[in-house]
Amino acid sequence: MAKDKPSISIIVPCYNEEGNLRGTIEAINGALASAKRFSGHEILIYNDRSTDSTGALADAIAKKDRNVKVIHNAKNMGFGFNYTDGVRRATKDYVMMVPGDNEIPLEAIMRVMARAGDADVIIPYTANPEVRPFSRRVISRAFVALINTMFGLDIIYYNGTCLVKSRLLKKVPLKTWGFAYMAAILVRLLKSGASYAEVGVDIAQRSSGKTKAFAFKNVVSVVKAILTLFWDVRVKERAIYAGKPSRAEATKAR
């Protein structure tokens, strides 16, 4: 019965995504309809002080869909802030983030949503990395290897559209707003003993614009976030994060 199904909050961060936002929302709604796993949902679109028509487009979408709420940031706050503020505002049982760049197709979103209930955290990884530039793939692999080594984990990917139980996520200290925000969250959750499952998804090439992940200020924020995370998890609060991650199901396929 529908009343027995959980609900979901979906956070959609956007910065200059006028050519991608509508497709993103269509993919989310299509995935929700196909997955049939949730009793209700809300979509929180963050217009991160875009200089194009992203904000106006978001407002137009919200006028036609009562499940959509738009938050206009007074200044550009960054990807991580939009997510952490979305977590604070979220009112549903699960939280998921889908970037407004339309890189995550309907099928991929649906595959993550379909795993709701299998574990505390559903962690997607890119099953078709060849669609991304070689340089980005190299940096991504190096980042994953670094985090796994530093924290004794064995996760395939840290920056995907994770599906997380709200009651657990809201307890996590959200200390970074940079691009390492999801890695920091996953490390804290898994080292606290949360269960997880990994699922491979295919992503699409960006249809408009380019990634902002490798801007200098974002790289600096990632380095600072990792160092802070290491100090907290491995030194300062070591007793809190002494738990063993629990893989709900052997879904990894390297």
C-alpha atoms as a PDB file:
ATOM      1  CA  MET A   1       0.000   0.000   0.000  1.00  0.00           C
ATOM      2  CA  ALA A   2       1.157   3.542  -0.746  1.00  0.00           C
ATOM      3  CA  LYS A   3       1.040   4.516   2.933  1.00  0.00           C
ATOM      4  CA  ASP A   4       3.651   1.856   3.676  1.00  0.00           C
ATOM      5  CA  LYS A   5       6.085   3.291   1.153  1.00  0.00           C
ATOM      6  CA  PRO A   6       8.714   5.857   2.195  1.00  0.00           C
ATOM      7  CA  SER A   7       8.903   9.382   0.847  1.00  0.00           C
ATOM      8  CA  ILE A   8      11.856  11.158  -0.771  1.00  0.00           C
ATOM      9  CA  SER A   9      13.372  14.639  -0.948  1.00  0.00           C
ATOM     10  CA  ILE A  10      15.394  15.361  -4.080  1.00  0.00           C
ATOM     11  CA  ILE A  11      17.888  18.231  -4.069  1.00  0.00           C
ATOM     12  CA  VAL A  12      18.764  19.784  -7.441  1.00  0.00           C
ATOM     13  CA  PRO A  13      21.698  22.243  -7.299  1.00  0.00           C
ATOM     14  CA  CYS A  14      21.953  24.565 -10.308  1.00  0.00           C
ATOM     15  CA  TYR A  15      24.432  27.166 -11.444  1.00  0.00           C
ATOM     16  CA  ASN A  16      23.921  28.418 -15.006  1.00  0.00           C
ATOM     17  CA  GLU A  17      22.024  25.311 -16.108  1.00  0.00           C
ATOM     18  CA  GLU A  18      19.329  26.933 -18.273  1.00  0.00           C
ATOM     19  CA  GLY A  19      20.002  24.388 -21.019  1.00  0.00           C
ATOM     20  CA  ASN A  20      19.915  21.392 -18.681  1.00  0.00           C
ATOM     21  CA  LEU A  21      17.447  22.006 -15.839  1.00  0.00           C
ATOM     22  CA  ARG A  22      14.219  21.105 -17.613  1.00  0.00           C
ATOM     23  CA  GLY A  23      15.688  17.806 -18.789  1.00  0.00           C
ATOM     24  CA  THR A  24      16.879  17.083 -15.245  1.00  0.00           C
ATOM     25  CA  ILE A  25      13.421  17.580 -13.752  1.00  0.00           C
ATOM     26  CA  GLU A  26      11.811  15.483 -16.485  1.00  0.00           C
ATOM     27  CA  ALA A  27      14.280  12.672 -15.744  1.00  0.00           C
ATOM     28  CA  ILE A  28      13.550  12.865 -12.002  1.00  0.00           C
ATOM     29  CA  ASN A  29       9.786  12.744 -12.498  1.00  0.00           C
ATOM     30  CA  GLY A  30      10.122   9.907 -14.977  1.00  0.00           C
ATOM     31  CA  ALA A  31      12.278   7.922 -12.557  1.00  0.00           C
ATOM     32  CA  LEU A  32       9.823   8.484  -9.709  1.00  0.00           C
ATOM     33  CA  ALA A  33       6.970   7.207 -11.849  1.00  0.00           C
ATOM     34  CA  SER A  34       8.946   4.186 -13.057  1.00  0.00           C
ATOM     35  CA  ALA A  35      10.466   3.174  -9.716  1.00  0.00           C
ATOM     36  CA  LYS A  36       7.131   3.297  -7.853  1.00  0.00           C
ATOM     37  CA  ARG A  37       8.973   3.083  -4.537  1.00  0.00           C
ATOM     38  CA  PHE A  38       7.808   6.292  -2.843  1.00  0.00           C
ATOM     39  CA  SER A  39       4.537   7.504  -1.399  1.00  0.00           C
ATOM     40  CA  GLY A  40       5.409  11.154  -1.872  1.00  0.00           C
ATOM     41  CA  HIS A  41       8.224  13.446  -2.901  1.00  0.00           C
ATOM     42  CA  GLU A  42       9.535  16.984  -2.923  1.00  0.00           C
ATOM     43  CA  ILE A  43      12.044  18.537  -5.314  1.00  0.00           C
ATOM     44  CA  LEU A  44      14.213  21.356  -3.963  1.00  0.00           C
ATOM     45  CA  ILE A  45      15.780  23.328  -6.809  1.00  0.00           C
ATOM     46  CA  TYR A  46      18.673  25.560  -5.772  1.00  0.00           C
ATOM     47  CA  ASN A  47      19.395  28.470  -8.074  1.00  0.00           C
ATOM     48  CA  ASP A  48      22.918  29.288  -6.944  1.00  0.00           C
ATOM     49  CA  ARG A  49      22.947  32.909  -8.109  1.00  0.00           C
ATOM     50  CA  SER A  50      22.980  31.901 -11.779  1.00  0.00           C
ATOM     51  CA  THR A  51      23.760  34.616 -14.301  1.00  0.00           C
ATOM     52  CA  ASP A  52      21.596  33.077 -17.022  1.00  0.00           C
ATOM     53  CA  SER A  53      17.854  32.282 -16.983  1.00  0.00           C
ATOM     54  CA  THR A  54      18.123  29.273 -14.669  1.00  0.00           C
ATOM     55  CA  GLY A  55      16.225  31.047 -11.885  1.00  0.00           C
ATOM     56  CA  ALA A  56      13.325  32.084 -14.084  1.00  0.00           C
ATOM     57  CA  LEU A  57      13.105  28.605 -15.560  1.00  0.00           C
ATOM     58  CA  ALA A  58      13.076  27.046 -12.082  1.00  0.00           C
ATOM     59  CA  ASP A  59      10.235  29.334 -11.027  1.00  0.00           C
ATOM     60  CA  ALA A  60       8.264  28.417 -14.134  1.00  0.00           C
ATOM     61  CA  ILE A  61       8.691  24.714 -13.358  1.00  0.00           C
ATOM     62  CA  ALA A  62       7.558  25.253  -9.756  1.00  0.00           C
ATOM     63  CA  LYS A  63       4.394  27.036 -10.892  1.00  0.00           C
ATOM     64  CA  LYS A  64       3.322  23.909 -12.738  1.00  0.00           C
ATOM     65  CA  ASP A  65       4.358  21.365 -10.106  1.00  0.00           C
ATOM     66  CA  ARG A  66       3.351  21.761  -6.445  1.00  0.00           C
ATOM     67  CA  ASN A  67       6.045  19.267  -5.412  1.00  0.00           C
ATOM     68  CA  VAL A  68       8.786  21.644  -6.586  1.00  0.00           C
ATOM     69  CA  LYS A  69      10.215  24.378  -4.395  1.00  0.00           C
ATOM     70  CA  VAL A  70      12.834  26.857  -5.586  1.00  0.00           C
ATOM     71  CA  ILE A  71      15.475  28.398  -3.345  1.00  0.00           C
ATOM     72  CA  HIS A  72      17.289  31.430  -4.796  1.00  0.00           C
ATOM     73  CA  ASN A  73      20.642  32.001  -3.121  1.00  0.00           C
ATOM     74  CA  ALA A  74      21.513  35.669  -2.574  1.00  0.00           C
ATOM     75  CA  LYS A  75      25.068  34.887  -3.654  1.00  0.00           C
ATOM     76  CA  ASN A  76      26.889  31.952  -5.188  1.00  0.00           C
ATOM     77  CA  MET A  77      27.369  29.493  -2.330  1.00  0.00           C
ATOM     78  CA  GLY A  78      28.732  26.427  -4.057  1.00  0.00           C
ATOM     79  CA  PHE A  79      27.559  22.908  -4.707  1.00  0.00           C
ATOM     80  CA  GLY A  80      28.095  21.568  -1.197  1.00  0.00           C
ATOM     81  CA  PHE A  81      26.164  24.370   0.491  1.00  0.00           C
ATOM     82  CA  ASN A  82      23.146  23.692  -1.687  1.00  0.00           C
ATOM     83  CA  TYR A  83      23.191  20.043  -0.685  1.00  0.00           C
ATOM     84  CA  THR A  84      23.702  20.605   3.039  1.00  0.00           C
ATOM     85  CA  ASP A  85      21.020  23.298   3.156  1.00  0.00           C
ATOM     86  CA  GLY A  86      18.738  20.950   1.241  1.00  0.00           C
ATOM     87  CA  VAL A  87      19.333  18.253   3.852  1.00  0.00           C
ATOM     88  CA  ARG A  88      18.326  20.734   6.534  1.00  0.00           C
ATOM     89  CA  ARG A  89      15.111  21.608   4.682  1.00  0.00           C
ATOM     90  CA  ALA A  90      14.242  18.054   3.636  1.00  0.00           C
ATOM     91  CA  THR A  91      11.018  16.703   5.150  1.00  0.00           C
ATOM     92  CA  LYS A  92      10.897  13.204   3.632  1.00  0.00           C
ATOM     93  CA  ASP A  93      12.246   9.771   4.646  1.00  0.00           C
ATOM     94  CA  TYR A  94      15.070   9.652   2.101  1.00  0.00           C
ATOM     95  CA  VAL A  95      17.319  12.307   0.593  1.00  0.00           C
ATOM     96  CA  MET A  96      18.856  12.160  -2.867  1.00  0.00           C
ATOM     97  CA  MET A  97      20.791  14.729  -4.861  1.00  0.00           C
ATOM     98  CA  VAL A  98      20.517  15.014  -8.651  1.00  0.00           C
ATOM     99  CA  PRO A  99      22.667  17.772 -10.245  1.00  0.00           C
ATOM    100  CA  GLY A 100      20.858  20.167 -12.552  1.00  0.00           C
ATOM    101  CA  ASP A 101      23.340  19.496 -15.369  1.00  0.00           C
ATOM    102  CA  ASN A 102      21.245  16.617 -16.783  1.00  0.00           C
ATOM    103  CA  GLU A 103      24.206  14.191 -16.730  1.00  0.00           C
ATOM    104  CA  ILE A 104      22.185  11.584 -14.830  1.00  0.00           C
ATOM    105  CA  PRO A 105      19.596  10.007 -17.148  1.00  0.00           C
ATOM    106  CA  LEU A 106      16.199   8.702 -16.092  1.00  0.00           C
ATOM    107  CA  GLU A 107      17.328   5.066 -16.084  1.00  0.00           C
ATOM    108  CA  ALA A 108      20.256   5.808 -13.774  1.00  0.00           C
ATOM    109  CA  ILE A 109      18.114   7.757 -11.297  1.00  0.00           C
ATOM    110  CA  MET A 110      15.540   4.979 -11.328  1.00  0.00           C
ATOM    111  CA  ARG A 111      18.174   2.307 -10.630  1.00  0.00           C
ATOM    112  CA  VAL A 112      19.230   4.152  -7.477  1.00  0.00           C
ATOM    113  CA  MET A 113      15.656   4.794  -6.353  1.00  0.00           C
ATOM    114  CA  ALA A 114      14.737   1.143  -6.919  1.00  0.00           C
ATOM    115  CA  ARG A 115      17.242   0.126  -4.221  1.00  0.00           C
ATOM    116  CA  ALA A 116      15.493   2.146  -1.502  1.00  0.00           C
ATOM    117  CA  GLY A 117      15.174  -0.055   1.577  1.00  0.00           C
ATOM    118  CA  ASP A 118      18.063  -2.366   0.691  1.00  0.00           C
ATOM    119  CA  ALA A 119      20.498  -0.436   2.913  1.00  0.00           C
ATOM    120  CA  ASP A 120      20.905   2.794   4.858  1.00  0.00           C
ATOM    121  CA  VAL A 121      22.908   4.259   1.994  1.00  0.00           C
ATOM    122  CA  ILE A 122      22.681   3.444  -1.717  1.00  0.00           C
ATOM    123  CA  ILE A 123      25.927   4.459  -3.441  1.00  0.00           C
ATOM    124  CA  PRO A 124      25.934   4.675  -7.242  1.00  0.00           C
ATOM    125  CA  TYR A 125      29.067   4.505  -9.348  1.00  0.00           C
ATOM    126  CA  THR A 126      29.634   5.373 -12.996  1.00  0.00           C
ATOM    127  CA  ALA A 127      29.420   2.216 -15.080  1.00  0.00           C
ATOM    128  CA  ASN A 128      30.392   3.999 -18.303  1.00  0.00           C
ATOM    129  CA  PRO A 129      33.269   6.322 -17.290  1.00  0.00           C
ATOM    130  CA  GLU A 130      34.412   6.568 -20.915  1.00  0.00           C
ATOM    131  CA  VAL A 131      31.814   9.307 -21.533  1.00  0.00           C
ATOM    132  CA  ARG A 132      33.912  11.641 -19.399  1.00  0.00           C
ATOM    133  CA  PRO A 133      37.244  13.202 -20.427  1.00  0.00           C
ATOM    134  CA  PHE A 134      40.329  11.100 -19.749  1.00  0.00           C
ATOM    135  CA  SER A 135      41.788  13.720 -17.404  1.00  0.00           C
ATOM    136  CA  ARG A 136      38.646  13.718 -15.295  1.00  0.00           C
ATOM    137  CA  ARG A 137      38.708   9.921 -15.072  1.00  0.00           C
ATOM    138  CA  VAL A 138      42.319   9.930 -13.885  1.00  0.00           C
ATOM    139  CA  ILE A 139      41.621  12.538 -11.206  1.00  0.00           C
ATOM    140  CA  SER A 140      38.490  10.697 -10.093  1.00  0.00           C
ATOM    141  CA  ARG A 141      40.346   7.386  -9.711  1.00  0.00           C
ATOM    142  CA  ALA A 142      43.119   9.081  -7.757  1.00  0.00           C
ATOM    143  CA  PHE A 143      40.587  10.741  -5.447  1.00  0.00           C
ATOM    144  CA  VAL A 144      38.795   7.443  -4.757  1.00  0.00           C
ATOM    145  CA  ALA A 145      42.083   5.636  -4.084  1.00  0.00           C
ATOM    146  CA  LEU A 146      43.160   8.382  -1.696  1.00  0.00           C
ATOM    147  CA  ILE A 147      39.931   8.340   0.326  1.00  0.00           C
ATOM    148  CA  ASN A 148      39.846   4.544   0.495  1.00  0.00           C
ATOM    149  CA  THR A 149      43.446   4.414   1.696  1.00  0.00           C
ATOM    150  CA  MET A 150      43.085   7.188   4.265  1.00  0.00           C
ATOM    151  CA  PHE A 151      39.947   5.742   5.847  1.00  0.00           C
ATOM    152  CA  GLY A 152      40.262   2.002   5.315  1.00  0.00           C
ATOM    153  CA  LEU A 153      37.301   1.726   2.948  1.00  0.00           C
ATOM    154  CA  ASP A 154      36.693   0.031  -0.387  1.00  0.00           C
ATOM    155  CA  ILE A 155      34.124   2.154  -2.198  1.00  0.00           C
ATOM    156  CA  ILE A 156      34.025   2.411  -5.984  1.00  0.00           C
ATOM    157  CA  TYR A 157      32.881   6.037  -6.227  1.00  0.00           C
ATOM    158  CA  TYR A 158      32.279   8.863  -3.750  1.00  0.00           C
ATOM    159  CA  ASN A 159      30.606  11.628  -5.738  1.00  0.00           C
ATOM    160  CA  GLY A 160      27.455  10.012  -7.079  1.00  0.00           C
ATOM    161  CA  THR A 161      23.742  10.656  -6.545  1.00  0.00           C
ATOM    162  CA  CYS A 162      23.551   8.760  -3.267  1.00  0.00           C
ATOM    163  CA  LEU A 163      20.241   7.841  -1.662  1.00  0.00           C
ATOM    164  CA  VAL A 164      20.431   8.192   2.122  1.00  0.00           C
ATOM    165  CA  LYS A 165      17.990   7.741   4.982  1.00  0.00           C
ATOM    166  CA  SER A 166      17.150  11.220   6.261  1.00  0.00           C
ATOM    167  CA  ARG A 167      17.243  10.286   9.949  1.00  0.00           C
ATOM    168  CA  LEU A 168      20.888   9.227   9.598  1.00  0.00           C
ATOM    169  CA  LEU A 169      21.939  12.013   7.260  1.00  0.00           C
ATOM    170  CA  LYS A 170      20.595  14.735   9.523  1.00  0.00           C
ATOM    171  CA  LYS A 171      22.890  13.482  12.324  1.00  0.00           C
ATOM    172  CA  VAL A 172      26.056  13.790  10.241  1.00  0.00           C
ATOM    173  CA  PRO A 173      28.226  16.866  10.914  1.00  0.00           C
ATOM    174  CA  LEU A 174      28.133  18.660   7.565  1.00  0.00           C
ATOM    175  CA  LYS A 175      31.420  20.548   7.769  1.00  0.00           C
ATOM    176  CA  THR A 176      32.245  21.143   4.124  1.00  0.00           C
ATOM    177  CA  TRP A 177      30.397  22.926   1.355  1.00  0.00           C
ATOM    178  CA  GLY A 178      32.960  22.048  -1.299  1.00  0.00           C
ATOM    179  CA  PHE A 179      32.978  19.272  -3.881  1.00  0.00           C
ATOM    180  CA  ALA A 180      34.216  16.756  -1.297  1.00  0.00           C
ATOM    181  CA  TYR A 181      30.970  17.047   0.648  1.00  0.00           C
ATOM    182  CA  MET A 182      29.568  13.637  -0.354  1.00  0.00           C
ATOM    183  CA  ALA A 183      32.860  11.849   0.307  1.00  0.00           C
ATOM    184  CA  ALA A 184      32.928  13.375   3.796  1.00  0.00           C
ATOM    185  CA  ILE A 185      29.339  12.299   4.434  1.00  0.00           C
ATOM    186  CA  LEU A 186      29.909   8.755   3.211  1.00  0.00           C
ATOM    187  CA  VAL A 187      33.083   8.326   5.257  1.00  0.00           C
ATOM    188  CA  ARG A 188      31.307   9.459   8.422  1.00  0.00           C
ATOM    189  CA  LEU A 189      28.242   7.293   7.776  1.00  0.00           C
ATOM    190  CA  LEU A 190      30.149   4.138   6.877  1.00  0.00           C
ATOM    191  CA  LYS A 191      32.705   4.503   9.665  1.00  0.00           C
ATOM    192  CA  SER A 192      29.731   4.854  12.038  1.00  0.00           C
ATOM    193  CA  GLY A 193      28.482   1.443  10.931  1.00  0.00           C
ATOM    194  CA  ALA A 194      25.777   2.391   8.421  1.00  0.00           C
ATOM    195  CA  SER A 195      24.889  -0.307   5.903  1.00  0.00           C
ATOM    196  CA  TYR A 196      25.388   0.360   2.208  1.00  0.00           C
ATOM    197  CA  ALA A 197      24.886  -1.084  -1.247  1.00  0.00           C
ATOM    198  CA  GLU A 198      26.579  -0.026  -4.487  1.00  0.00           C
ATOM    199  CA  VAL A 199      24.885   0.073  -7.872  1.00  0.00           C
ATOM    200  CA  GLY A 200      26.359   0.802 -11.298  1.00  0.00           C
ATOM    201  CA  VAL A 201      24.633   3.433 -13.428  1.00  0.00           C
ATOM    202  CA  ASP A 202      25.269   4.874 -16.870  1.00  0.00           C
ATOM    203  CA  ILE A 203      25.572   8.639 -17.105  1.00  0.00           C
ATOM    204  CA  ALA A 204      25.137  10.923 -20.106  1.00  0.00           C
ATOM    205  CA  GLN A 205      27.464  13.528 -21.540  1.00  0.00           C
ATOM    206  CA  ARG A 206      26.587  17.099 -20.653  1.00  0.00           C
ATOM    207  CA  SER A 207      24.315  18.617 -23.292  1.00  0.00           C
ATOM    208  CA  SER A 208      25.237  22.170 -22.288  1.00  0.00           C
ATOM    209  CA  GLY A 209      27.954  23.967 -20.321  1.00  0.00           C
ATOM    210  CA  LYS A 210      30.911  22.398 -18.561  1.00  0.00           C
ATOM    211  CA  THR A 211      31.732  21.032 -15.112  1.00  0.00           C
ATOM    212  CA  LYS A 212      32.789  23.480 -12.385  1.00  0.00           C
ATOM    213  CA  ALA A 213      34.453  20.788 -10.257  1.00  0.00           C
ATOM    214  CA  PHE A 214      38.034  21.629 -11.220  1.00  0.00           C
ATOM    215  CA  ALA A 215      37.959  25.370 -10.647  1.00  0.00           C
ATOM    216  CA  PHE A 216      40.937  26.355  -8.477  1.00  0.00           C
ATOM    217  CA  LYS A 217      38.832  27.382  -5.491  1.00  0.00           C
ATOM    218  CA  ASN A 218      37.023  24.035  -5.598  1.00  0.00           C
ATOM    219  CA  VAL A 219      40.292  22.081  -5.640  1.00  0.00           C
ATOM    220  CA  VAL A 220      41.514  24.039  -2.612  1.00  0.00           C
ATOM    221  CA  SER A 221      38.266  23.372  -0.748  1.00  0.00           C
ATOM    222  CA  VAL A 222      38.564  19.635  -1.450  1.00  0.00           C
ATOM    223  CA  VAL A 223      42.074  19.494   0.008  1.00  0.00           C
ATOM    224  CA  LYS A 224      40.980  21.361   3.143  1.00  0.00           C
ATOM    225  CA  ALA A 225      37.912  19.136   3.539  1.00  0.00           C
ATOM    226  CA  ILE A 226      39.937  15.920   3.309  1.00  0.00           C
ATOM    227  CA  LEU A 227      42.464  17.098   5.891  1.00  0.00           C
ATOM    228  CA  THR A 228      39.684  18.158   8.278  1.00  0.00           C
ATOM    229  CA  LEU A 229      37.895  14.852   7.759  1.00  0.00           C
ATOM    230  CA  PHE A 230      41.051  12.868   8.487  1.00  0.00           C
ATOM    231  CA  TRP A 231      41.652  14.784  11.709  1.00  0.00           C
ATOM    232  CA  ASP A 232      38.067  14.240  12.891  1.00  0.00           C
ATOM    233  CA  VAL A 233      37.640  10.591  11.914  1.00  0.00           C
ATOM    234  CA  ARG A 234      41.131   9.226  12.511  1.00  0.00           C
ATOM    235  CA  VAL A 235      42.256  11.379  15.445  1.00  0.00           C
ATOM    236  CA  LYS A 236      39.866  13.715  17.257  1.00  0.00           C
ATOM    237  CA  GLU A 237      36.712  11.546  17.200  1.00  0.00           C
ATOM    238  CA  ARG A 238      38.307   8.192  16.552  1.00  0.00           C
ATOM    239  CA  ALA A 239      36.101   6.341  19.066  1.00  0.00           C
ATOM    240  CA  ILE A 240      32.937   7.518  17.324  1.00  0.00           C
ATOM    241  CA  TYR A 241      34.099   6.281  13.939  1.00  0.00           C
ATOM    242  CA  ALA A 242      35.431   2.876  14.950  1.00  0.00           C
ATOM    243  CA  GLY A 243      32.562   0.925  13.391  1.00  0.00           C
ATOM    244  CA  LYS A 244      32.902  -1.428  10.448  1.00  0.00           C
ATOM    245  CA  PRO A 245      30.997  -0.580   7.254  1.00  0.00           C
ATOM    246  CA  SER A 246      28.283  -3.134   6.508  1.00  0.00           C
ATOM    247  CA  ARG A 247      27.748  -3.983   2.847  1.00  0.00           C
ATOM    248  CA  ALA A 248      24.119  -5.001   2.479  1.00  0.00           C
ATOM    249  CA  GLU A 249      24.738  -6.881  -0.728  1.00  0.00           C
ATOM    250  CA  ALA A 250      27.740  -7.738  -2.912  1.00  0.00           C
ATOM    251  CA  THR A 251      26.846  -5.461  -5.805  1.00  0.00           C
ATOM    252  CA  LYS A 252      30.326  -4.342  -6.812  1.00  0.00           C
ATOM    253  CA  ALA A 253      31.458  -5.202 -10.293  1.00  0.00           C
ATOM    254  CA  ARG A 254      34.776  -3.579 -11.121  1.00  0.00           C
END
